[in-house]
Amino acid sequence: MTTVRLNATVPPELALQRLDRVASELFPDYSRNRLQHWIRSGELLVNGNPSGVRDKVPAGAELVVVANLPVMELVSEPIPLNIVHEDNEIIVLNKPAGLVVHPGAGNATGTLANGLLHHDGGLSAIPRAGIVHRLDKDTTGLMVVARTLTSQTALVNQLQERTVARHYTAAVYGVLGAGGTITEPVGRHPVHRTRMAVHPAGKFAETSYEPLERYDHHTLLRLRLATGRTHQIRVHMQHRGHPLIGDAVYGGTYRQHLDQSDELQTLIRSFDRQALHAHSLSFIHPGHGKSVSYKAALPADFETLIEGLELG
């Protein structure tokens, strides 16, 4: 068993809503069913007191969870890892498309975490095999993994303090005239619970973007995350009206433009993942305390997509 400890303050926009709904917004890593179980069992308290699932909670209330979860036994698997850098404290790797980061429903094996345990058995003593942040299954690029508890805590703190610089490259529908910053809250979609959405009850999220190249009907962007909400870039760009090419979940399915070549139309239609790559990562090294930066070139499918966009 492992002990889960969570706490959050109810913001004004969630005031007087059902406790289970508020909890699902404030603790999005856990299902509503699990949160409802914790409410009924008294493991989730409001201002130190047990409450009912349907009870309304006021703004400023303190939600505290102290609950036990069974530990998922991770299986060590020989999964190829593209390691950019490693030392006694960290591993920096370039994740390929199609690789799930951590086991979950429907993905008990074959994940990055399984491969990390095969690479370094000592990671079995670190929560989540040392993983401190995630990339979506079909997003490629750089991730940092902690090899010690001290390093994991330091990296998590840097993420929370927004001092980790994460830059992405994306190809989107539409032509953007200038860069900008999106500061719209992101939370669970009110209907489709497996998706995220810009929602007033969501958490603050900030994405900055600037065009690198403009094409006839598309734009190549460089983006920076100030926060790291689930699917943040994908949701923000959809909200701005420029979904990522290939992102079937957030509106990036194929759009026909009659002035495009047959080759480009075929290329875009066959690009079956979101065109998103984490190309650079900078942070304070938890061992020696100096700033470090790493870069990862675009994968071959993304390079081919760009070449097609350039040719039109």
Protein backbone atom coordinates (compact mmCIF):
# COMPACT_ATOMS: atom_id res chain seq x y z
CA MET A 1 0.00 0.00 0.00
CA THR A 2 1.05 3.62 -0.54
CA THR A 3 -0.32 6.66 1.23
CA VAL A 4 -1.80 9.45 -0.89
CA ARG A 5 -1.67 12.91 0.68
CA LEU A 6 -3.46 15.76 -1.09
CA ASN A 7 -4.74 19.18 -0.13
CA ALA A 8 -6.36 22.07 -1.93
CA THR A 9 -8.39 25.19 -1.24
CA VAL A 10 -11.77 25.58 -2.94
CA PRO A 11 -11.59 28.59 -5.34
CA PRO A 12 -14.54 30.99 -5.68
CA GLU A 13 -15.54 29.59 -9.10
CA LEU A 14 -16.23 26.15 -7.53
CA ALA A 15 -18.12 27.47 -4.50
CA LEU A 16 -21.41 25.79 -3.54
CA GLN A 17 -20.93 22.89 -5.93
CA ARG A 18 -21.13 19.21 -4.96
CA LEU A 19 -18.13 17.95 -3.04
CA ASP A 20 -17.41 15.10 -5.46
CA ARG A 21 -17.41 17.46 -8.43
CA VAL A 22 -15.18 19.98 -6.66
CA ALA A 23 -12.79 17.20 -5.66
CA SER A 24 -12.60 15.88 -9.23
CA GLU A 25 -11.62 19.36 -10.47
CA LEU A 26 -9.03 19.94 -7.74
CA PHE A 27 -7.58 16.41 -7.87
CA PRO A 28 -7.83 15.52 -11.60
CA ASP A 29 -5.36 12.63 -11.36
CA TYR A 30 -7.98 10.55 -9.55
CA SER A 31 -11.31 9.29 -10.85
CA ARG A 32 -14.58 10.58 -9.46
CA ASN A 33 -15.43 7.06 -8.30
CA ARG A 34 -12.26 6.88 -6.24
CA LEU A 35 -12.83 10.36 -4.81
CA GLN A 36 -16.41 9.44 -3.91
CA HIS A 37 -15.06 6.36 -2.11
CA TRP A 38 -12.64 8.53 -0.15
CA ILE A 39 -15.46 10.93 0.77
CA ARG A 40 -17.68 8.09 2.04
CA SER A 41 -14.81 6.44 3.92
CA GLY A 42 -13.81 9.69 5.63
CA GLU A 43 -10.41 9.79 3.95
CA LEU A 44 -11.34 13.06 2.22
CA LEU A 45 -12.21 15.77 4.75
CA VAL A 46 -13.59 19.29 4.38
CA ASN A 47 -12.16 21.69 6.96
CA GLY A 48 -11.19 18.66 9.01
CA ASN A 49 -14.66 17.10 9.00
CA PRO A 50 -16.29 14.29 7.01
CA SER A 51 -18.91 15.33 4.45
CA GLY A 52 -21.35 13.76 2.03
CA VAL A 53 -20.74 13.28 -1.68
CA ARG A 54 -23.56 15.71 -2.54
CA ASP A 55 -22.76 18.31 0.12
CA LYS A 56 -22.12 21.82 -1.18
CA VAL A 57 -18.71 23.25 -0.30
CA PRO A 58 -17.99 26.95 0.27
CA ALA A 59 -15.18 28.97 -1.25
CA GLY A 60 -12.05 28.84 0.88
CA ALA A 61 -12.80 25.40 2.30
CA GLU A 62 -9.78 23.17 2.79
CA LEU A 63 -9.96 19.71 1.22
CA VAL A 64 -7.50 17.20 2.65
CA VAL A 65 -7.03 13.62 1.52
CA VAL A 66 -5.05 11.02 3.46
CA ALA A 67 -5.82 7.68 1.84
CA ASN A 68 -4.20 4.35 1.12
CA LEU A 69 -3.81 2.99 -2.38
CA PRO A 70 -2.53 -0.41 -3.43
CA VAL A 71 0.86 -0.10 -5.10
CA MET A 72 0.84 -1.14 -8.75
CA GLU A 73 3.60 -3.64 -9.26
CA LEU A 74 5.61 -2.43 -12.23
CA VAL A 75 7.12 -5.10 -14.43
CA SER A 76 10.62 -4.56 -15.77
CA GLU A 77 10.53 -4.76 -19.57
CA PRO A 78 13.30 -4.33 -22.18
CA ILE A 79 11.77 -1.34 -23.92
CA PRO A 80 14.23 0.71 -26.03
CA LEU A 81 14.95 4.14 -24.54
CA ASN A 82 16.48 7.07 -26.42
CA ILE A 83 18.55 8.52 -23.59
CA VAL A 84 19.91 12.02 -24.19
CA HIS A 85 21.73 12.31 -20.86
CA GLU A 86 22.05 10.41 -17.60
CA ASP A 87 24.01 10.74 -14.39
CA ASN A 88 23.55 9.69 -10.76
CA GLU A 89 20.63 12.07 -10.25
CA ILE A 90 18.62 12.22 -13.49
CA ILE A 91 17.84 10.63 -16.82
CA VAL A 92 16.82 12.84 -19.75
CA LEU A 93 15.22 10.95 -22.62
CA ASN A 94 13.55 11.58 -25.96
CA LYS A 95 10.15 9.82 -25.93
CA PRO A 96 8.86 8.41 -29.23
CA ALA A 97 5.25 8.58 -30.41
CA GLY A 98 3.03 5.71 -29.32
CA LEU A 99 4.70 5.14 -25.95
CA VAL A 100 2.49 5.55 -22.87
CA VAL A 101 4.41 7.09 -19.99
CA HIS A 102 2.98 5.21 -17.01
CA PRO A 103 0.74 2.15 -16.57
CA GLY A 104 -2.97 2.78 -16.22
CA ALA A 105 -6.28 1.34 -17.26
CA GLY A 106 -5.65 -0.68 -20.40
CA ASN A 107 -1.87 -0.09 -20.27
CA ALA A 108 -0.47 -2.32 -17.52
CA THR A 109 2.74 -3.04 -19.44
CA GLY A 110 4.68 -1.72 -22.39
CA THR A 111 5.07 1.76 -20.92
CA LEU A 112 8.00 4.08 -20.40
CA ALA A 113 7.93 3.28 -16.67
CA ASN A 114 8.37 -0.44 -17.43
CA GLY A 115 11.33 0.35 -19.65
CA LEU A 116 12.89 2.62 -17.05
CA LEU A 117 12.80 -0.17 -14.46
CA HIS A 118 14.62 -2.45 -16.89
CA HIS A 119 17.22 0.25 -17.49
CA ASP A 120 17.67 1.00 -13.77
CA GLY A 121 16.21 -1.40 -11.21
CA GLY A 122 16.84 1.15 -8.47
CA LEU A 123 13.93 3.22 -9.79
CA SER A 124 11.57 0.70 -8.16
CA ALA A 125 12.22 2.57 -4.90
CA ILE A 126 11.12 5.92 -6.42
CA PRO A 127 7.41 6.79 -6.81
CA ARG A 128 6.25 6.45 -10.45
CA ALA A 129 9.70 5.04 -11.34
CA GLY A 130 11.12 8.56 -11.02
CA ILE A 131 8.79 10.15 -13.55
CA VAL A 132 8.05 13.78 -12.59
CA HIS A 133 6.11 14.99 -15.64
CA ARG A 134 4.38 13.38 -18.58
CA LEU A 135 3.93 13.63 -22.30
CA ASP A 136 0.82 12.35 -24.04
CA LYS A 137 1.13 8.95 -25.71
CA ASP A 138 1.52 10.41 -29.20
CA THR A 139 3.55 13.49 -28.26
CA THR A 140 7.28 13.11 -28.81
CA GLY A 141 10.23 14.74 -27.13
CA LEU A 142 12.13 15.42 -23.95
CA MET A 143 11.33 14.24 -20.44
CA VAL A 144 13.39 14.23 -17.26
CA VAL A 145 13.30 11.33 -14.80
CA ALA A 146 14.66 11.44 -11.23
CA ARG A 147 16.93 8.66 -9.98
CA THR A 148 16.68 9.61 -6.28
CA LEU A 149 13.89 10.77 -3.99
CA THR A 150 15.77 14.00 -3.32
CA SER A 151 16.07 14.75 -7.03
CA GLN A 152 12.42 13.92 -7.62
CA THR A 153 11.31 16.31 -4.91
CA ALA A 154 13.57 19.06 -6.26
CA LEU A 155 12.29 18.64 -9.82
CA VAL A 156 8.64 18.53 -8.74
CA ASN A 157 9.19 21.75 -6.78
CA GLN A 158 10.71 23.41 -9.86
CA LEU A 159 7.69 22.37 -11.92
CA GLN A 160 5.34 23.77 -9.30
CA GLU A 161 7.33 27.00 -9.15
CA ARG A 162 7.23 27.18 -12.99
CA THR A 163 10.99 27.47 -13.30
CA VAL A 164 11.34 24.51 -15.68
CA ALA A 165 11.47 25.78 -19.28
CA ARG A 166 9.61 23.45 -21.65
CA HIS A 167 9.53 24.40 -25.32
CA TYR A 168 7.50 22.62 -27.97
CA THR A 169 7.14 22.63 -31.74
CA ALA A 170 3.65 22.21 -33.21
CA ALA A 171 2.00 22.36 -36.62
CA VAL A 172 -1.53 23.79 -36.51
CA TYR A 173 -4.42 24.51 -38.85
CA GLY A 174 -4.81 28.12 -39.92
CA VAL A 175 -2.36 30.99 -40.40
CA LEU A 176 -1.44 32.95 -37.27
CA GLY A 177 -0.31 36.50 -37.85
CA ALA A 178 1.54 37.01 -34.58
CA GLY A 179 2.52 35.31 -31.37
CA GLY A 180 0.66 35.57 -28.11
CA THR A 181 -0.11 34.06 -24.73
CA ILE A 182 -3.19 32.03 -23.82
CA THR A 183 -4.23 32.16 -20.15
CA GLU A 184 -7.44 30.18 -20.11
CA PRO A 185 -8.25 27.71 -17.30
CA VAL A 186 -8.12 24.05 -18.26
CA GLY A 187 -10.17 21.31 -16.59
CA ARG A 188 -12.11 18.15 -17.27
CA HIS A 189 -14.63 18.43 -20.07
CA PRO A 190 -18.06 18.68 -18.38
CA VAL A 191 -19.50 15.93 -20.61
CA HIS A 192 -16.61 13.95 -22.11
CA ARG A 193 -14.67 13.09 -18.96
CA THR A 194 -11.69 11.59 -20.80
CA ARG A 195 -11.04 14.95 -22.44
CA MET A 196 -9.93 18.31 -21.15
CA ALA A 197 -11.40 21.69 -22.08
CA VAL A 198 -11.14 25.41 -21.43
CA HIS A 199 -13.57 25.71 -18.54
CA PRO A 200 -14.17 28.39 -15.87
CA ALA A 201 -13.89 25.75 -13.15
CA GLY A 202 -10.53 24.54 -14.47
CA LYS A 203 -7.05 25.34 -13.21
CA PHE A 204 -5.04 28.33 -14.38
CA ALA A 205 -3.04 27.46 -17.49
CA GLU A 206 -0.62 29.57 -19.52
CA THR A 207 0.75 28.80 -22.98
CA SER A 208 2.89 31.20 -25.01
CA TYR A 209 3.35 30.72 -28.73
CA GLU A 210 5.11 32.33 -31.69
CA PRO A 211 4.98 31.46 -35.40
CA LEU A 212 8.14 29.97 -36.88
CA GLU A 213 6.81 29.47 -40.42
CA ARG A 214 3.56 30.36 -42.12
CA TYR A 215 2.18 28.28 -44.98
CA ASP A 216 -0.92 28.69 -47.14
CA HIS A 217 -3.28 27.13 -44.61
CA HIS A 218 -1.10 26.13 -41.66
CA THR A 219 1.45 27.50 -39.21
CA LEU A 220 4.52 25.98 -37.57
CA LEU A 221 4.70 27.20 -33.96
CA ARG A 222 7.14 27.32 -31.10
CA LEU A 223 5.37 27.14 -27.74
CA ARG A 224 6.35 27.45 -24.10
CA LEU A 225 4.44 26.06 -21.16
CA ALA A 226 4.31 28.11 -17.96
CA THR A 227 2.00 25.49 -16.45
CA GLY A 228 1.59 21.81 -17.23
CA ARG A 229 -2.09 20.92 -17.32
CA THR A 230 -3.18 17.72 -19.03
CA HIS A 231 -3.39 18.22 -22.83
CA GLN A 232 -2.76 21.94 -22.25
CA ILE A 233 -1.26 22.89 -25.62
CA ARG A 234 -3.79 20.82 -27.53
CA VAL A 235 -6.73 22.34 -25.63
CA HIS A 236 -5.44 25.92 -25.79
CA MET A 237 -4.76 25.81 -29.51
CA GLN A 238 -8.18 24.28 -30.17
CA HIS A 239 -9.73 27.07 -28.09
CA ARG A 240 -7.83 29.67 -30.12
CA GLY A 241 -9.25 28.10 -33.29
CA HIS A 242 -5.98 26.52 -34.45
CA PRO A 243 -6.00 22.82 -33.49
CA LEU A 244 -2.92 20.70 -34.04
CA ILE A 245 -2.64 18.74 -37.26
CA GLY A 246 -3.49 15.11 -36.60
CA ASP A 247 -5.20 15.71 -33.25
CA ALA A 248 -8.48 13.82 -33.71
CA VAL A 249 -9.52 14.42 -30.08
CA TYR A 250 -9.28 18.21 -30.23
CA GLY A 251 -10.42 19.09 -33.73
CA GLY A 252 -7.26 18.48 -35.73
CA THR A 253 -8.72 16.01 -38.20
CA TYR A 254 -8.08 16.45 -41.92
CA ARG A 255 -9.43 19.58 -43.57
CA GLN A 256 -9.49 19.77 -47.33
CA HIS A 257 -8.11 22.78 -49.20
CA LEU A 258 -8.60 22.52 -52.95
CA ASP A 259 -5.50 24.58 -53.75
CA GLN A 260 -3.22 22.08 -52.03
CA SER A 261 -1.37 19.41 -53.94
CA ASP A 262 -2.64 15.85 -53.83
CA GLU A 263 0.63 14.87 -52.16
CA LEU A 264 0.15 17.33 -49.28
CA GLN A 265 -3.49 16.36 -48.83
CA THR A 266 -2.46 12.72 -48.58
CA LEU A 267 0.36 13.56 -46.18
CA ILE A 268 -1.88 15.52 -43.80
CA ARG A 269 -4.67 12.96 -44.00
CA SER A 270 -2.26 10.16 -43.06
CA PHE A 271 -0.59 12.04 -40.19
CA ASP A 272 -2.27 10.04 -37.42
CA ARG A 273 -1.08 11.77 -34.26
CA GLN A 274 -0.96 15.31 -32.93
CA ALA A 275 1.91 17.24 -34.52
CA LEU A 276 3.57 18.13 -31.23
CA HIS A 277 7.19 17.67 -30.12
CA ALA A 278 8.92 18.74 -26.89
CA HIS A 279 12.13 20.01 -28.48
CA SER A 280 13.93 21.62 -25.52
CA LEU A 281 14.00 21.31 -21.75
CA SER A 282 15.86 23.44 -19.19
CA PHE A 283 15.97 23.23 -15.40
CA ILE A 284 18.25 23.45 -12.38
CA HIS A 285 20.15 20.21 -11.99
CA PRO A 286 19.17 18.74 -8.59
CA GLY A 287 22.70 17.47 -8.03
CA HIS A 288 25.13 20.30 -8.76
CA GLY A 289 22.58 23.15 -8.73
CA LYS A 290 23.50 24.61 -12.13
CA SER A 291 21.15 25.29 -15.02
CA VAL A 292 21.14 22.59 -17.70
CA SER A 293 19.47 22.48 -21.10
CA TYR A 294 18.77 19.67 -23.54
CA LYS A 295 17.43 19.57 -27.10
CA ALA A 296 15.85 16.89 -29.28
CA ALA A 297 15.52 17.10 -33.06
CA LEU A 298 12.12 16.66 -34.67
CA PRO A 299 11.20 13.03 -35.42
CA ALA A 300 11.18 11.86 -39.02
CA ASP A 301 7.40 11.95 -39.49
CA PHE A 302 7.24 15.55 -38.29
CA GLU A 303 10.12 16.55 -40.57
CA THR A 304 8.31 14.97 -43.50
CA LEU A 305 5.14 16.87 -42.60
CA ILE A 306 7.04 20.19 -42.57
CA GLU A 307 8.66 19.42 -45.92
CA GLY A 308 5.21 18.80 -47.37
CA LEU A 309 3.82 22.04 -45.94
CA GLU A 310 6.75 23.95 -47.44
CA LEU A 311 6.11 22.50 -50.89
CA GLY A 312 2.36 23.10 -50.62
